[in-house]
Amino acid sequence: MTKSETRLARSEKLDKLVQRIRACTLCQGSIPASNPVLRVASGARVLIIGQAPGAKVHASGIPWDDASGRRLREWLGVSSAEFYDLSRIAIMPMGFCYPGKAKSGDLPPRPECAPQWHAAVTALLPNIRCTLLFGQYAQRHYLPETRGTLTERVRAWQRHAPSRFLLPHPSPRNQLWLRRNPWFEQTVIPDLQATVRALLDAADANE
């Protein structure tokens, strides 16, 4: 099988997997409604793993289609067109569906989702060179050996970069954290932007 045929077979397999995910009812009865939200393609270089879609994203079906997404794109230094380019950036939350409201904010991602689907998806994303892990759920799932608070894990970002970046959630609810930790936007964000830009530019050059 040629490289072109291998890529085509992988893309077809990923498309079928995404169809299965979109038809998933694993959490039926435990969430308001099933509407899995993800955007993946086999050529992507960057993988974004967040928590779970909020109510607005659940309604639109477009990941990071909210205030958190606007800040995230600023952090990455990318345009909306680049961010939603499937051939460049893959987006997969820990829980694909909106988990519902809690007393403060949203409920955590459903625990069944990532063990059921993530390994199968990442196996079909061979070109990922940088994975962004937002929040404690993504970080503990993908780096279970890490210890400490979220602040301590983010502060130790250089242990994992450039292949992985441990990041706080870009939600407006984290504004206080950002004010208390100015080093994050001063030191982590420039390196994150440089890494993402280099990967996107390399993808363009290889087309």
N, C-alpha and C. Protein backbone atom coordinates (compact mmCIF):
# COMPACT_ATOMS: atom_id res chain seq x y z
N MET A 1 0.85 -1.20 0.00
CA MET A 1 0.00 0.00 0.00
C MET A 1 0.88 1.25 0.00
N THR A 2 0.61 2.18 -0.90
CA THR A 2 1.39 3.40 -0.97
C THR A 2 1.05 4.32 0.20
N LYS A 3 1.88 5.36 0.38
CA LYS A 3 1.61 6.32 1.45
C LYS A 3 0.28 7.01 1.23
N SER A 4 -0.01 7.33 -0.02
CA SER A 4 -1.29 7.98 -0.32
C SER A 4 -2.46 7.08 0.01
N GLU A 5 -2.34 5.80 -0.31
CA GLU A 5 -3.41 4.85 -0.01
C GLU A 5 -3.56 4.65 1.50
N THR A 6 -2.43 4.65 2.21
CA THR A 6 -2.47 4.51 3.67
C THR A 6 -3.18 5.70 4.31
N ARG A 7 -2.87 6.92 3.83
CA ARG A 7 -3.52 8.11 4.35
C ARG A 7 -5.02 8.08 4.09
N LEU A 8 -5.39 7.66 2.90
CA LEU A 8 -6.81 7.59 2.55
C LEU A 8 -7.53 6.58 3.43
N ALA A 9 -6.92 5.42 3.64
CA ALA A 9 -7.54 4.39 4.48
C ALA A 9 -7.70 4.88 5.92
N ARG A 10 -6.68 5.60 6.41
CA ARG A 10 -6.75 6.14 7.76
C ARG A 10 -7.87 7.18 7.88
N SER A 11 -7.97 8.04 6.89
CA SER A 11 -9.02 9.07 6.91
C SER A 11 -10.41 8.43 6.88
N GLU A 12 -10.57 7.41 6.08
CA GLU A 12 -11.86 6.72 6.01
C GLU A 12 -12.19 6.06 7.34
N LYS A 13 -11.20 5.47 7.97
CA LYS A 13 -11.42 4.82 9.26
C LYS A 13 -11.79 5.86 10.32
N LEU A 14 -11.11 7.01 10.27
CA LEU A 14 -11.42 8.08 11.23
C LEU A 14 -12.83 8.62 11.00
N ASP A 15 -13.22 8.78 9.75
CA ASP A 15 -14.57 9.26 9.44
C ASP A 15 -15.62 8.30 10.02
N LYS A 16 -15.40 7.02 9.89
CA LYS A 16 -16.34 6.03 10.41
C LYS A 16 -16.38 6.07 11.93
N LEU A 17 -15.21 6.28 12.55
CA LEU A 17 -15.16 6.38 14.01
C LEU A 17 -15.93 7.61 14.49
N VAL A 18 -15.76 8.73 13.81
CA VAL A 18 -16.48 9.95 14.18
C VAL A 18 -17.98 9.73 14.06
N GLN A 19 -18.41 9.02 13.04
CA GLN A 19 -19.83 8.70 12.89
C GLN A 19 -20.34 7.89 14.08
N ARG A 20 -19.54 6.94 14.53
CA ARG A 20 -19.92 6.15 15.71
C ARG A 20 -20.00 7.01 16.96
N ILE A 21 -19.05 7.94 17.10
CA ILE A 21 -19.05 8.83 18.25
C ILE A 21 -20.30 9.72 18.23
N ARG A 22 -20.64 10.24 17.07
CA ARG A 22 -21.80 11.13 16.97
C ARG A 22 -23.11 10.39 17.26
N ALA A 23 -23.08 9.07 17.11
CA ALA A 23 -24.27 8.26 17.40
C ALA A 23 -24.24 7.67 18.82
N CYS A 24 -23.23 8.04 19.60
CA CYS A 24 -23.04 7.46 20.93
C CYS A 24 -24.18 7.83 21.88
N THR A 25 -24.63 6.85 22.65
CA THR A 25 -25.66 7.08 23.68
C THR A 25 -25.19 6.55 25.03
N LEU A 26 -23.86 6.47 25.19
CA LEU A 26 -23.29 5.88 26.41
C LEU A 26 -23.79 6.56 27.67
N CYS A 27 -23.95 7.88 27.63
CA CYS A 27 -24.34 8.64 28.83
C CYS A 27 -25.81 9.02 28.83
N GLN A 28 -26.58 8.42 27.95
CA GLN A 28 -28.00 8.76 27.86
C GLN A 28 -28.67 8.57 29.22
N GLY A 29 -29.42 9.59 29.64
CA GLY A 29 -30.06 9.56 30.94
C GLY A 29 -29.25 10.26 32.01
N SER A 30 -27.95 10.46 31.74
CA SER A 30 -27.07 11.14 32.71
C SER A 30 -26.71 12.56 32.29
N ILE A 31 -27.07 12.93 31.05
CA ILE A 31 -26.79 14.26 30.52
C ILE A 31 -28.08 14.83 29.94
N PRO A 32 -28.16 16.16 29.75
CA PRO A 32 -29.39 16.75 29.22
C PRO A 32 -29.79 16.19 27.86
N ALA A 33 -28.81 16.03 26.97
CA ALA A 33 -29.08 15.48 25.63
C ALA A 33 -27.75 15.09 25.00
N SER A 34 -27.80 14.12 24.11
CA SER A 34 -26.60 13.67 23.43
C SER A 34 -26.35 14.51 22.19
N ASN A 35 -25.18 15.14 22.13
CA ASN A 35 -24.78 15.91 20.96
C ASN A 35 -23.25 16.01 20.97
N PRO A 36 -22.55 14.92 20.66
CA PRO A 36 -21.09 14.91 20.73
C PRO A 36 -20.47 15.98 19.84
N VAL A 37 -19.51 16.72 20.41
CA VAL A 37 -18.85 17.82 19.70
C VAL A 37 -17.36 17.52 19.60
N LEU A 38 -16.87 17.35 18.38
CA LEU A 38 -15.43 17.20 18.15
C LEU A 38 -15.15 17.51 16.69
N ARG A 39 -13.89 17.85 16.42
CA ARG A 39 -13.45 18.13 15.05
C ARG A 39 -12.07 17.51 14.89
N VAL A 40 -11.96 16.47 14.10
CA VAL A 40 -10.68 15.78 13.93
C VAL A 40 -10.48 15.40 12.47
N ALA A 41 -9.22 15.41 12.05
CA ALA A 41 -8.84 14.93 10.73
C ALA A 41 -7.43 14.36 10.85
N SER A 42 -7.12 13.38 10.03
CA SER A 42 -5.88 12.62 10.22
C SER A 42 -4.62 13.43 9.96
N GLY A 43 -4.73 14.57 9.26
CA GLY A 43 -3.55 15.36 8.97
C GLY A 43 -3.21 16.41 10.01
N ALA A 44 -4.02 16.57 11.05
CA ALA A 44 -3.82 17.63 12.03
C ALA A 44 -2.47 17.52 12.74
N ARG A 45 -1.88 18.67 13.02
CA ARG A 45 -0.59 18.73 13.72
C ARG A 45 -0.74 19.06 15.21
N VAL A 46 -1.81 19.77 15.56
CA VAL A 46 -2.04 20.21 16.94
C VAL A 46 -3.35 19.60 17.43
N LEU A 47 -3.34 19.08 18.66
CA LEU A 47 -4.54 18.50 19.26
C LEU A 47 -4.91 19.28 20.52
N ILE A 48 -6.14 19.77 20.56
CA ILE A 48 -6.64 20.51 21.72
C ILE A 48 -7.60 19.61 22.49
N ILE A 49 -7.29 19.38 23.76
CA ILE A 49 -8.15 18.56 24.61
C ILE A 49 -8.62 19.41 25.78
N GLY A 50 -9.90 19.75 25.75
CA GLY A 50 -10.48 20.54 26.82
C GLY A 50 -11.31 19.68 27.75
N GLN A 51 -12.33 20.27 28.36
CA GLN A 51 -13.13 19.53 29.33
C GLN A 51 -14.39 18.96 28.69
N ALA A 52 -15.39 19.80 28.47
CA ALA A 52 -16.64 19.38 27.84
C ALA A 52 -17.31 20.62 27.28
N PRO A 53 -18.11 20.48 26.24
CA PRO A 53 -18.79 21.67 25.69
C PRO A 53 -19.75 22.28 26.68
N GLY A 54 -19.86 23.60 26.65
CA GLY A 54 -20.85 24.30 27.46
C GLY A 54 -22.18 24.34 26.72
N ALA A 55 -23.15 25.02 27.32
CA ALA A 55 -24.49 25.06 26.75
C ALA A 55 -24.50 25.71 25.36
N LYS A 56 -23.73 26.78 25.17
CA LYS A 56 -23.71 27.46 23.87
C LYS A 56 -23.12 26.57 22.80
N VAL A 57 -22.01 25.90 23.13
CA VAL A 57 -21.37 25.00 22.16
C VAL A 57 -22.27 23.79 21.89
N HIS A 58 -22.96 23.32 22.91
CA HIS A 58 -23.91 22.21 22.73
C HIS A 58 -24.97 22.60 21.70
N ALA A 59 -25.42 23.83 21.76
CA ALA A 59 -26.47 24.29 20.83
C ALA A 59 -25.94 24.49 19.42
N SER A 60 -24.72 25.01 19.29
CA SER A 60 -24.17 25.31 17.97
C SER A 60 -23.48 24.12 17.33
N GLY A 61 -22.94 23.23 18.17
CA GLY A 61 -22.16 22.11 17.66
C GLY A 61 -20.76 22.49 17.24
N ILE A 62 -20.36 23.74 17.51
CA ILE A 62 -19.04 24.24 17.12
C ILE A 62 -18.17 24.36 18.37
N PRO A 63 -17.11 23.58 18.49
CA PRO A 63 -16.29 23.63 19.71
C PRO A 63 -15.63 24.99 19.91
N TRP A 64 -15.55 25.40 21.16
CA TRP A 64 -14.92 26.66 21.55
C TRP A 64 -15.59 27.85 20.86
N ASP A 65 -16.89 27.75 20.65
CA ASP A 65 -17.66 28.82 20.03
C ASP A 65 -18.25 29.71 21.12
N ASP A 66 -17.36 30.28 21.94
CA ASP A 66 -17.80 31.07 23.08
C ASP A 66 -16.66 31.98 23.53
N ALA A 67 -16.85 32.63 24.68
CA ALA A 67 -15.82 33.55 25.18
C ALA A 67 -14.51 32.81 25.48
N SER A 68 -14.60 31.58 25.98
CA SER A 68 -13.39 30.79 26.22
C SER A 68 -12.62 30.56 24.93
N GLY A 69 -13.35 30.28 23.86
CA GLY A 69 -12.71 30.05 22.57
C GLY A 69 -12.01 31.29 22.04
N ARG A 70 -12.61 32.45 22.24
CA ARG A 70 -11.97 33.69 21.78
C ARG A 70 -10.64 33.91 22.50
N ARG A 71 -10.64 33.67 23.81
CA ARG A 71 -9.38 33.82 24.55
C ARG A 71 -8.38 32.75 24.12
N LEU A 72 -8.85 31.54 23.89
CA LEU A 72 -7.94 30.47 23.48
C LEU A 72 -7.26 30.83 22.16
N ARG A 73 -8.00 31.34 21.20
CA ARG A 73 -7.39 31.72 19.93
C ARG A 73 -6.38 32.84 20.11
N GLU A 74 -6.64 33.74 21.05
CA GLU A 74 -5.65 34.78 21.35
C GLU A 74 -4.39 34.15 21.94
N TRP A 75 -4.57 33.21 22.85
CA TRP A 75 -3.41 32.53 23.44
C TRP A 75 -2.57 31.82 22.37
N LEU A 76 -3.24 31.20 21.42
CA LEU A 76 -2.53 30.45 20.39
C LEU A 76 -1.97 31.36 19.30
N GLY A 77 -2.51 32.56 19.18
CA GLY A 77 -2.07 33.46 18.12
C GLY A 77 -2.54 33.03 16.76
N VAL A 78 -3.75 32.48 16.69
CA VAL A 78 -4.29 31.99 15.41
C VAL A 78 -5.61 32.68 15.11
N SER A 79 -5.95 32.72 13.84
CA SER A 79 -7.24 33.26 13.41
C SER A 79 -8.31 32.19 13.57
N SER A 80 -9.57 32.60 13.47
CA SER A 80 -10.66 31.63 13.51
C SER A 80 -10.55 30.64 12.36
N ALA A 81 -10.15 31.13 11.19
CA ALA A 81 -10.01 30.24 10.04
C ALA A 81 -8.95 29.17 10.29
N GLU A 82 -7.84 29.56 10.89
CA GLU A 82 -6.79 28.59 11.20
C GLU A 82 -7.25 27.62 12.29
N PHE A 83 -7.92 28.17 13.28
CA PHE A 83 -8.35 27.36 14.42
C PHE A 83 -9.31 26.25 13.98
N TYR A 84 -10.20 26.57 13.06
CA TYR A 84 -11.21 25.60 12.63
C TYR A 84 -10.82 24.86 11.34
N ASP A 85 -9.56 24.94 10.97
CA ASP A 85 -9.06 24.20 9.82
C ASP A 85 -8.75 22.77 10.28
N LEU A 86 -9.60 21.83 9.89
CA LEU A 86 -9.45 20.44 10.34
C LEU A 86 -8.10 19.84 9.98
N SER A 87 -7.53 20.28 8.88
CA SER A 87 -6.26 19.71 8.45
C SER A 87 -5.09 20.20 9.30
N ARG A 88 -5.33 21.19 10.16
CA ARG A 88 -4.26 21.77 10.99
C ARG A 88 -4.45 21.45 12.48
N ILE A 89 -5.67 21.69 12.97
CA ILE A 89 -5.92 21.59 14.41
C ILE A 89 -7.09 20.65 14.68
N ALA A 90 -6.86 19.66 15.52
CA ALA A 90 -7.91 18.73 15.95
C ALA A 90 -8.40 19.16 17.33
N ILE A 91 -9.70 18.99 17.56
CA ILE A 91 -10.32 19.42 18.81
C ILE A 91 -11.14 18.28 19.37
N MET A 92 -10.79 17.86 20.60
CA MET A 92 -11.47 16.72 21.21
C MET A 92 -11.56 16.92 22.73
N PRO A 93 -12.74 17.14 23.28
CA PRO A 93 -12.86 17.34 24.73
C PRO A 93 -12.81 16.03 25.49
N MET A 94 -12.64 16.12 26.79
CA MET A 94 -12.66 14.92 27.62
C MET A 94 -14.04 14.28 27.63
N GLY A 95 -15.06 15.11 27.62
CA GLY A 95 -16.43 14.64 27.47
C GLY A 95 -17.02 15.28 26.24
N PHE A 96 -17.51 14.50 25.30
CA PHE A 96 -17.96 15.07 24.03
C PHE A 96 -19.28 15.82 24.14
N CYS A 97 -20.06 15.55 25.17
CA CYS A 97 -21.39 16.16 25.29
C CYS A 97 -21.47 17.11 26.49
N TYR A 98 -22.37 18.07 26.39
CA TYR A 98 -22.63 19.00 27.49
C TYR A 98 -23.13 18.21 28.71
N PRO A 99 -22.44 18.32 29.85
CA PRO A 99 -22.80 17.49 31.01
C PRO A 99 -23.95 18.04 31.85
N GLY A 100 -24.32 19.31 31.63
CA GLY A 100 -25.37 19.92 32.43
C GLY A 100 -24.82 20.91 33.44
N LYS A 101 -25.73 21.63 34.09
CA LYS A 101 -25.35 22.68 35.03
C LYS A 101 -25.10 22.12 36.42
N ALA A 102 -24.12 22.72 37.09
CA ALA A 102 -23.87 22.46 38.50
C ALA A 102 -24.31 23.70 39.28
N LYS A 103 -24.14 23.68 40.59
CA LYS A 103 -24.50 24.86 41.39
C LYS A 103 -23.67 26.07 40.97
N SER A 104 -22.42 25.80 40.60
CA SER A 104 -21.55 26.86 40.11
C SER A 104 -20.89 26.37 38.82
N GLY A 105 -21.27 26.95 37.69
CA GLY A 105 -20.72 26.51 36.42
C GLY A 105 -21.35 25.22 35.92
N ASP A 106 -20.62 24.50 35.11
CA ASP A 106 -21.11 23.25 34.55
C ASP A 106 -20.59 22.06 35.35
N LEU A 107 -21.27 20.93 35.18
CA LEU A 107 -20.81 19.68 35.78
C LEU A 107 -19.51 19.23 35.12
N PRO A 108 -18.75 18.35 35.76
CA PRO A 108 -17.52 17.83 35.14
C PRO A 108 -17.85 16.99 33.90
N PRO A 109 -16.85 16.76 33.05
CA PRO A 109 -17.07 15.88 31.91
C PRO A 109 -17.48 14.49 32.39
N ARG A 110 -18.33 13.82 31.65
CA ARG A 110 -18.73 12.47 32.01
C ARG A 110 -17.50 11.55 32.00
N PRO A 111 -17.30 10.75 33.05
CA PRO A 111 -16.09 9.93 33.15
C PRO A 111 -16.04 8.77 32.17
N GLU A 112 -17.18 8.41 31.56
CA GLU A 112 -17.19 7.26 30.64
C GLU A 112 -16.60 7.59 29.27
N CYS A 113 -16.61 8.86 28.92
CA CYS A 113 -16.37 9.26 27.53
C CYS A 113 -14.93 9.03 27.08
N ALA A 114 -13.98 9.62 27.76
CA ALA A 114 -12.59 9.53 27.33
C ALA A 114 -12.08 8.08 27.29
N PRO A 115 -12.32 7.25 28.32
CA PRO A 115 -11.87 5.85 28.22
C PRO A 115 -12.49 5.10 27.05
N GLN A 116 -13.70 5.47 26.68
CA GLN A 116 -14.38 4.78 25.60
C GLN A 116 -13.83 5.15 24.22
N TRP A 117 -13.46 6.43 24.01
CA TRP A 117 -13.19 6.90 22.66
C TRP A 117 -11.80 7.47 22.40
N HIS A 118 -11.16 8.05 23.39
CA HIS A 118 -9.95 8.83 23.11
C HIS A 118 -8.83 8.04 22.46
N ALA A 119 -8.54 6.86 22.97
CA ALA A 119 -7.42 6.09 22.42
C ALA A 119 -7.66 5.74 20.96
N ALA A 120 -8.91 5.42 20.63
CA ALA A 120 -9.23 5.08 19.24
C ALA A 120 -9.04 6.28 18.32
N VAL A 121 -9.41 7.47 18.80
CA VAL A 121 -9.25 8.67 17.98
C VAL A 121 -7.78 9.03 17.82
N THR A 122 -7.03 9.08 18.91
CA THR A 122 -5.63 9.50 18.83
C THR A 122 -4.79 8.52 18.00
N ALA A 123 -5.19 7.26 17.97
CA ALA A 123 -4.47 6.28 17.15
C ALA A 123 -4.56 6.61 15.67
N LEU A 124 -5.57 7.38 15.28
CA LEU A 124 -5.77 7.75 13.88
C LEU A 124 -5.34 9.19 13.60
N LEU A 125 -4.57 9.77 14.54
CA LEU A 125 -4.02 11.12 14.37
C LEU A 125 -2.50 11.05 14.45
N PRO A 126 -1.85 10.45 13.47
CA PRO A 126 -0.41 10.19 13.57
C PRO A 126 0.48 11.41 13.40
N ASN A 127 -0.09 12.52 12.94
CA ASN A 127 0.73 13.71 12.68
C ASN A 127 0.73 14.72 13.82
N ILE A 128 0.06 14.40 14.91
CA ILE A 128 0.03 15.34 16.04
C ILE A 128 1.43 15.50 16.61
N ARG A 129 1.85 16.74 16.71
CA ARG A 129 3.17 17.04 17.27
C ARG A 129 3.07 17.83 18.58
N CYS A 130 1.89 18.36 18.86
CA CYS A 130 1.71 19.14 20.09
C CYS A 130 0.28 18.94 20.58
N THR A 131 0.15 18.54 21.84
CA THR A 131 -1.16 18.35 22.46
C THR A 131 -1.32 19.35 23.59
N LEU A 132 -2.44 20.08 23.56
CA LEU A 132 -2.73 21.08 24.58
C LEU A 132 -3.75 20.50 25.54
N LEU A 133 -3.38 20.41 26.82
CA LEU A 133 -4.23 19.79 27.84
C LEU A 133 -4.77 20.89 28.75
N PHE A 134 -6.08 21.16 28.63
CA PHE A 134 -6.70 22.24 29.38
C PHE A 134 -7.43 21.70 30.60
N GLY A 135 -6.97 22.11 31.78
CA GLY A 135 -7.66 21.77 33.01
C GLY A 135 -7.27 20.42 33.60
N GLN A 136 -7.73 20.19 34.82
CA GLN A 136 -7.30 19.03 35.59
C GLN A 136 -7.74 17.70 35.00
N TYR A 137 -8.91 17.63 34.37
CA TYR A 137 -9.40 16.35 33.88
C TYR A 137 -8.53 15.84 32.72
N ALA A 138 -8.22 16.71 31.79
CA ALA A 138 -7.36 16.32 30.67
C ALA A 138 -5.95 16.00 31.15
N GLN A 139 -5.43 16.81 32.07
CA GLN A 139 -4.07 16.61 32.54
C GLN A 139 -3.93 15.32 33.33
N ARG A 140 -4.88 15.00 34.16
CA ARG A 140 -4.79 13.78 34.96
C ARG A 140 -5.01 12.53 34.12
N HIS A 141 -5.81 12.65 33.06
CA HIS A 141 -6.04 11.49 32.19
C HIS A 141 -4.79 11.18 31.37
N TYR A 142 -4.19 12.21 30.78
CA TYR A 142 -3.06 11.99 29.88
C TYR A 142 -1.71 11.97 30.59
N LEU A 143 -1.62 12.56 31.74
CA LEU A 143 -0.37 12.56 32.51
C LEU A 143 -0.68 12.20 33.96
N PRO A 144 -1.11 10.96 34.20
CA PRO A 144 -1.53 10.58 35.56
C PRO A 144 -0.41 10.64 36.59
N GLU A 145 0.82 10.68 36.10
CA GLU A 145 1.95 10.73 37.04
C GLU A 145 2.19 12.13 37.59
N THR A 146 1.57 13.15 37.00
CA THR A 146 1.79 14.51 37.47
C THR A 146 1.10 14.73 38.81
N ARG A 147 1.72 15.54 39.63
CA ARG A 147 1.19 15.82 40.97
C ARG A 147 1.06 17.33 41.16
N GLY A 148 0.40 17.68 42.26
CA GLY A 148 0.30 19.08 42.61
C GLY A 148 -0.98 19.73 42.12
N THR A 149 -1.11 21.01 42.42
CA THR A 149 -2.27 21.78 41.99
C THR A 149 -2.15 22.10 40.51
N LEU A 150 -3.23 22.61 39.93
CA LEU A 150 -3.17 23.02 38.54
C LEU A 150 -2.10 24.08 38.34
N THR A 151 -2.01 25.03 39.28
CA THR A 151 -1.00 26.07 39.17
C THR A 151 0.40 25.48 39.15
N GLU A 152 0.66 24.51 40.00
CA GLU A 152 1.97 23.88 40.04
C GLU A 152 2.26 23.11 38.76
N ARG A 153 1.24 22.46 38.21
CA ARG A 153 1.45 21.70 36.97
C ARG A 153 1.72 22.65 35.80
N VAL A 154 0.96 23.75 35.74
CA VAL A 154 1.16 24.71 34.66
C VAL A 154 2.52 25.39 34.79
N ARG A 155 2.92 25.68 36.02
CA ARG A 155 4.21 26.35 36.23
C ARG A 155 5.38 25.47 35.77
N ALA A 156 5.18 24.16 35.80
CA ALA A 156 6.22 23.22 35.36
C ALA A 156 6.07 22.87 33.88
N TRP A 157 5.55 23.78 33.10
CA TRP A 157 5.21 23.52 31.70
C TRP A 157 6.41 23.06 30.87
N GLN A 158 7.61 23.53 31.21
CA GLN A 158 8.78 23.20 30.40
C GLN A 158 9.16 21.72 30.48
N ARG A 159 8.65 21.00 31.48
CA ARG A 159 8.92 19.56 31.58
C ARG A 159 8.28 18.80 30.42
N HIS A 160 7.22 19.34 29.87
CA HIS A 160 6.46 18.63 28.85
C HIS A 160 6.54 19.28 27.46
N ALA A 161 6.78 20.59 27.41
CA ALA A 161 6.83 21.29 26.13
C ALA A 161 8.07 20.84 25.33
N PRO A 162 7.99 20.90 24.00
CA PRO A 162 6.90 21.45 23.19
C PRO A 162 5.85 20.41 22.75
N SER A 163 6.03 19.14 23.13
CA SER A 163 5.07 18.14 22.65
C SER A 163 3.74 18.23 23.39
N ARG A 164 3.78 18.75 24.63
CA ARG A 164 2.55 18.92 25.40
C ARG A 164 2.64 20.22 26.19
N PHE A 165 1.51 20.90 26.28
CA PHE A 165 1.40 22.08 27.12
C PHE A 165 0.26 21.86 28.10
N LEU A 166 0.54 22.01 29.39
CA LEU A 166 -0.48 21.93 30.44
C LEU A 166 -0.94 23.34 30.71
N LEU A 167 -2.24 23.58 30.53
CA LEU A 167 -2.76 24.95 30.54
C LEU A 167 -4.00 25.08 31.40
N PRO A 168 -4.23 26.27 31.96
CA PRO A 168 -5.50 26.51 32.64
C PRO A 168 -6.60 26.67 31.60
N HIS A 169 -7.83 26.50 32.02
CA HIS A 169 -8.93 26.70 31.07
C HIS A 169 -9.04 28.20 30.77
N PRO A 170 -9.25 28.58 29.50
CA PRO A 170 -9.33 30.00 29.16
C PRO A 170 -10.68 30.64 29.46
N SER A 171 -11.45 30.04 30.32
CA SER A 171 -12.76 30.57 30.68
C SER A 171 -12.65 31.92 31.37
N PRO A 172 -13.62 32.81 31.14
CA PRO A 172 -13.65 34.07 31.90
C PRO A 172 -13.69 33.84 33.41
N ARG A 173 -14.15 32.67 33.83
CA ARG A 173 -14.17 32.36 35.26
C ARG A 173 -12.76 32.27 35.85
N ASN A 174 -11.76 32.12 34.99
CA ASN A 174 -10.37 32.01 35.45
C ASN A 174 -9.64 33.35 35.41
N GLN A 175 -10.36 34.43 35.29
CA GLN A 175 -9.73 35.75 35.23
C GLN A 175 -8.92 36.05 36.49
N LEU A 176 -9.45 35.65 37.63
CA LEU A 176 -8.73 35.88 38.88
C LEU A 176 -7.43 35.11 38.89
N TRP A 177 -7.44 33.87 38.42
CA TRP A 177 -6.21 33.06 38.36
C TRP A 177 -5.18 33.75 37.47
N LEU A 178 -5.61 34.28 36.34
CA LEU A 178 -4.68 34.94 35.43
C LEU A 178 -4.07 36.20 36.06
N ARG A 179 -4.88 36.92 36.83
CA ARG A 179 -4.35 38.12 37.50
C ARG A 179 -3.34 37.73 38.57
N ARG A 180 -3.57 36.63 39.24
CA ARG A 180 -2.66 36.19 40.30
C ARG A 180 -1.40 35.53 39.75
N ASN A 181 -1.44 35.12 38.50
CA ASN A 181 -0.30 34.40 37.91
C ASN A 181 0.11 35.06 36.59
N PRO A 182 0.60 36.30 36.65
CA PRO A 182 0.96 37.01 35.42
C PRO A 182 2.08 36.33 34.64
N TRP A 183 2.90 35.50 35.31
CA TRP A 183 3.98 34.79 34.64
C TRP A 183 3.46 33.90 33.51
N PHE A 184 2.20 33.44 33.63
CA PHE A 184 1.66 32.53 32.62
C PHE A 184 1.62 33.19 31.25
N GLU A 185 1.03 34.37 31.17
CA GLU A 185 0.94 35.05 29.88
C GLU A 185 2.27 35.67 29.46
N GLN A 186 3.16 35.86 30.43
CA GLN A 186 4.46 36.45 30.11
C GLN A 186 5.46 35.42 29.59
N THR A 187 5.37 34.17 30.09
CA THR A 187 6.38 33.17 29.74
C THR A 187 5.85 31.98 28.95
N VAL A 188 4.67 31.48 29.33
CA VAL A 188 4.14 30.29 28.67
C VAL A 188 3.55 30.62 27.31
N ILE A 189 2.74 31.66 27.26
CA ILE A 189 2.02 31.99 26.03
C ILE A 189 2.96 32.26 24.85
N PRO A 190 4.05 33.03 25.00
CA PRO A 190 4.94 33.24 23.85
C PRO A 190 5.51 31.94 23.29
N ASP A 191 5.88 31.01 24.17
CA ASP A 191 6.42 29.74 23.71
C ASP A 191 5.34 28.90 23.04
N LEU A 192 4.15 28.93 23.62
CA LEU A 192 3.02 28.21 23.04
C LEU A 192 2.73 28.73 21.64
N GLN A 193 2.68 30.04 21.48
CA GLN A 193 2.39 30.63 20.17
C GLN A 193 3.47 30.28 19.15
N ALA A 194 4.72 30.31 19.58
CA ALA A 194 5.81 29.99 18.66
C ALA A 194 5.73 28.53 18.22
N THR A 195 5.40 27.65 19.15
CA THR A 195 5.29 26.23 18.82
C THR A 195 4.16 25.97 17.83
N VAL A 196 2.99 26.54 18.12
CA VAL A 196 1.84 26.33 17.24
C VAL A 196 2.09 26.93 15.87
N ARG A 197 2.65 28.13 15.82
CA ARG A 197 2.90 28.78 14.53
C ARG A 197 3.88 27.96 13.70
N ALA A 198 4.92 27.43 14.31
CA ALA A 198 5.90 26.63 13.57
C ALA A 198 5.25 25.38 12.99
N LEU A 199 4.36 24.75 13.74
CA LEU A 199 3.69 23.55 13.25
C LEU A 199 2.72 23.86 12.12
N LEU A 200 1.97 24.94 12.24
CA LEU A 200 1.05 25.31 11.18
C LEU A 200 1.79 25.72 9.91
N ASP A 201 2.89 26.44 10.08
CA ASP A 201 3.67 26.85 8.91
C ASP A 201 4.30 25.63 8.24
N ALA A 202 4.75 24.66 9.04
CA ALA A 202 5.34 23.44 8.48
C ALA A 202 4.30 22.66 7.69
N ALA A 203 3.08 22.63 8.19
CA ALA A 203 2.00 21.94 7.48
C ALA A 203 1.73 22.62 6.14
N ASP A 204 1.74 23.96 6.12
CA ASP A 204 1.54 24.69 4.86
C ASP A 204 2.66 24.38 3.86
N ALA A 205 3.88 24.31 4.37
CA ALA A 205 5.03 24.09 3.49
C ALA A 205 5.01 22.70 2.87
N ASN A 206 4.40 21.73 3.56
CA ASN A 206 4.38 20.35 3.08
C ASN A 206 3.23 20.07 2.13
N GLU A 207 2.35 21.02 1.95
CA GLU A 207 1.20 20.78 1.06
C GLU A 207 1.63 20.74 -0.41
